[in-house]
Amino acid sequence: MSAPTVSVIVPVYNVEGTVAETLHSLLAQTFRDFEVIVVDDGGTDGAMEVVGTFDDPRIRIRRKFNGGLNSARNAGLRMARGRFVAFLDA
């Protein structure tokens, strides 16, 4: 698989109520050359179960212990393959 143009990093921490809307909005974009890196920052709600219901090969998941927003973003950056990076908070 070739590298996407954009890597979208979505930090997730206890956002069960909004993460589905966030991902639906992202996946509905007319621009399609992107990957989505969802970084589970050790949340305790059902957000990652919601993320798991999405069946899109562009979505990649990284789980980690809680370290805060910047730590989650940095973990996503280390996984990013795109030429450009965008952050989208869930």
C-alpha atoms as a PDB file:
ATOM      1  CA  MET A   1       0.000   0.000   0.000  1.00  0.00           C
ATOM      2  CA  SER A   2       1.394   3.403  -0.917  1.00  0.00           C
ATOM      3  CA  ALA A   3       1.725   6.134   1.675  1.00  0.00           C
ATOM      4  CA  PRO A   4      -1.313   8.389   2.035  1.00  0.00           C
ATOM      5  CA  THR A   5      -1.091  12.114   1.448  1.00  0.00           C
ATOM      6  CA  VAL A   6      -2.487  12.967   4.887  1.00  0.00           C
ATOM      7  CA  SER A   7      -2.276  11.253   8.266  1.00  0.00           C
ATOM      8  CA  VAL A   8      -5.125  12.263  10.568  1.00  0.00           C
ATOM      9  CA  ILE A   9      -4.334  11.630  14.220  1.00  0.00           C
ATOM     10  CA  VAL A  10      -7.329  11.229  16.542  1.00  0.00           C
ATOM     11  CA  PRO A  11      -6.444  11.056  20.251  1.00  0.00           C
ATOM     12  CA  VAL A  12      -9.135   9.158  22.186  1.00  0.00           C
ATOM     13  CA  TYR A  13      -9.663   9.388  25.935  1.00  0.00           C
ATOM     14  CA  ASN A  14     -13.141   8.843  27.390  1.00  0.00           C
ATOM     15  CA  VAL A  15     -14.988  10.179  24.340  1.00  0.00           C
ATOM     16  CA  GLU A  16     -17.509   7.379  23.887  1.00  0.00           C
ATOM     17  CA  GLY A  17     -20.281   9.910  23.252  1.00  0.00           C
ATOM     18  CA  THR A  18     -18.549  11.729  20.391  1.00  0.00           C
ATOM     19  CA  VAL A  19     -16.017   9.406  18.752  1.00  0.00           C
ATOM     20  CA  ALA A  20     -18.493   7.825  16.305  1.00  0.00           C
ATOM     21  CA  GLU A  21     -19.613  11.230  15.033  1.00  0.00           C
ATOM     22  CA  THR A  22     -15.980  12.289  14.720  1.00  0.00           C
ATOM     23  CA  LEU A  23     -15.016   9.257  12.631  1.00  0.00           C
ATOM     24  CA  HIS A  24     -18.184   9.367  10.493  1.00  0.00           C
ATOM     25  CA  SER A  25     -17.455  13.016   9.696  1.00  0.00           C
ATOM     26  CA  LEU A  26     -13.866  12.247   8.803  1.00  0.00           C
ATOM     27  CA  LEU A  27     -14.696   9.251   6.608  1.00  0.00           C
ATOM     28  CA  ALA A  28     -17.381  11.244   4.763  1.00  0.00           C
ATOM     29  CA  GLN A  29     -14.858  13.705   3.306  1.00  0.00           C
ATOM     30  CA  THR A  30     -14.660  13.930  -0.467  1.00  0.00           C
ATOM     31  CA  PHE A  31     -10.850  13.879  -0.254  1.00  0.00           C
ATOM     32  CA  ARG A  32     -10.016  10.199   0.217  1.00  0.00           C
ATOM     33  CA  ASP A  33      -6.204   9.940   0.299  1.00  0.00           C
ATOM     34  CA  PHE A  34      -5.736   9.810   4.051  1.00  0.00           C
ATOM     35  CA  GLU A  35      -5.139   7.424   6.906  1.00  0.00           C
ATOM     36  CA  VAL A  36      -6.727   7.698  10.333  1.00  0.00           C
ATOM     37  CA  ILE A  37      -4.596   6.926  13.362  1.00  0.00           C
ATOM     38  CA  VAL A  38      -6.754   6.516  16.449  1.00  0.00           C
ATOM     39  CA  VAL A  39      -4.649   6.674  19.604  1.00  0.00           C
ATOM     40  CA  ASP A  40      -6.305   5.184  22.691  1.00  0.00           C
ATOM     41  CA  ASP A  41      -4.766   7.124  25.570  1.00  0.00           C
ATOM     42  CA  GLY A  42      -5.845   4.626  28.210  1.00  0.00           C
ATOM     43  CA  GLY A  43      -9.465   5.708  28.530  1.00  0.00           C
ATOM     44  CA  THR A  44     -11.888   3.847  30.766  1.00  0.00           C
ATOM     45  CA  ASP A  45     -15.166   4.193  28.878  1.00  0.00           C
ATOM     46  CA  GLY A  46     -16.402   2.334  25.793  1.00  0.00           C
ATOM     47  CA  ALA A  47     -14.845   4.637  23.193  1.00  0.00           C
ATOM     48  CA  MET A  48     -12.543   2.001  21.745  1.00  0.00           C
ATOM     49  CA  GLU A  49     -15.403  -0.470  21.402  1.00  0.00           C
ATOM     50  CA  VAL A  50     -17.154   2.192  19.307  1.00  0.00           C
ATOM     51  CA  VAL A  51     -14.005   2.664  17.208  1.00  0.00           C
ATOM     52  CA  GLY A  52     -13.890  -1.096  16.708  1.00  0.00           C
ATOM     53  CA  THR A  53     -17.255  -1.020  14.929  1.00  0.00           C
ATOM     54  CA  PHE A  54     -15.734   0.899  12.000  1.00  0.00           C
ATOM     55  CA  ASP A  55     -14.618  -1.300   9.131  1.00  0.00           C
ATOM     56  CA  ASP A  56     -12.346   0.900   7.049  1.00  0.00           C
ATOM     57  CA  PRO A  57      -8.801  -0.126   6.102  1.00  0.00           C
ATOM     58  CA  ARG A  58      -7.601   3.465   6.494  1.00  0.00           C
ATOM     59  CA  ILE A  59      -8.182   3.308  10.262  1.00  0.00           C
ATOM     60  CA  ARG A  60      -5.250   2.164  12.376  1.00  0.00           C
ATOM     61  CA  ILE A  61      -5.339   1.918  16.161  1.00  0.00           C
ATOM     62  CA  ARG A  62      -2.607   2.481  18.722  1.00  0.00           C
ATOM     63  CA  ARG A  63      -3.265   1.658  22.370  1.00  0.00           C
ATOM     64  CA  LYS A  64      -1.132   3.132  25.138  1.00  0.00           C
ATOM     65  CA  PHE A  65      -1.185   3.966  28.822  1.00  0.00           C
ATOM     66  CA  ASN A  66      -2.586   7.359  29.713  1.00  0.00           C
ATOM     67  CA  GLY A  67      -0.036  10.075  29.188  1.00  0.00           C
ATOM     68  CA  GLY A  68      -2.158  13.047  28.186  1.00  0.00           C
ATOM     69  CA  LEU A  69      -3.070  14.702  24.921  1.00  0.00           C
ATOM     70  CA  ASN A  70       0.455  15.563  23.801  1.00  0.00           C
ATOM     71  CA  SER A  71       1.666  12.045  24.507  1.00  0.00           C
ATOM     72  CA  ALA A  72      -1.191  10.609  22.430  1.00  0.00           C
ATOM     73  CA  ARG A  73      -0.479  12.987  19.558  1.00  0.00           C
ATOM     74  CA  ASN A  74       3.211  12.103  19.622  1.00  0.00           C
ATOM     75  CA  ALA A  75       2.390   8.378  19.560  1.00  0.00           C
ATOM     76  CA  GLY A  76       0.242   9.028  16.486  1.00  0.00           C
ATOM     77  CA  LEU A  77       3.006  11.047  14.846  1.00  0.00           C
ATOM     78  CA  ARG A  78       5.381   8.117  15.212  1.00  0.00           C
ATOM     79  CA  MET A  79       2.917   5.960  13.246  1.00  0.00           C
ATOM     80  CA  ALA A  80       2.092   8.557  10.589  1.00  0.00           C
ATOM     81  CA  ARG A  81       2.998   7.727   6.996  1.00  0.00           C
ATOM     82  CA  GLY A  82       1.434  10.737   5.278  1.00  0.00           C
ATOM     83  CA  ARG A  83       3.201  13.687   3.743  1.00  0.00           C
ATOM     84  CA  PHE A  84       0.995  15.980   5.808  1.00  0.00           C
ATOM     85  CA  VAL A  85      -0.399  15.544   9.331  1.00  0.00           C
ATOM     86  CA  ALA A  86      -3.683  16.766  10.750  1.00  0.00           C
ATOM     87  CA  PHE A  87      -4.965  16.483  14.304  1.00  0.00           C
ATOM     88  CA  LEU A  88      -8.649  15.887  14.994  1.00  0.00           C
ATOM     89  CA  ASP A  89      -9.784  15.707  18.596  1.00  0.00           C
ATOM     90  CA  ALA A  90     -12.653  13.337  19.210  1.00  0.00           C
END
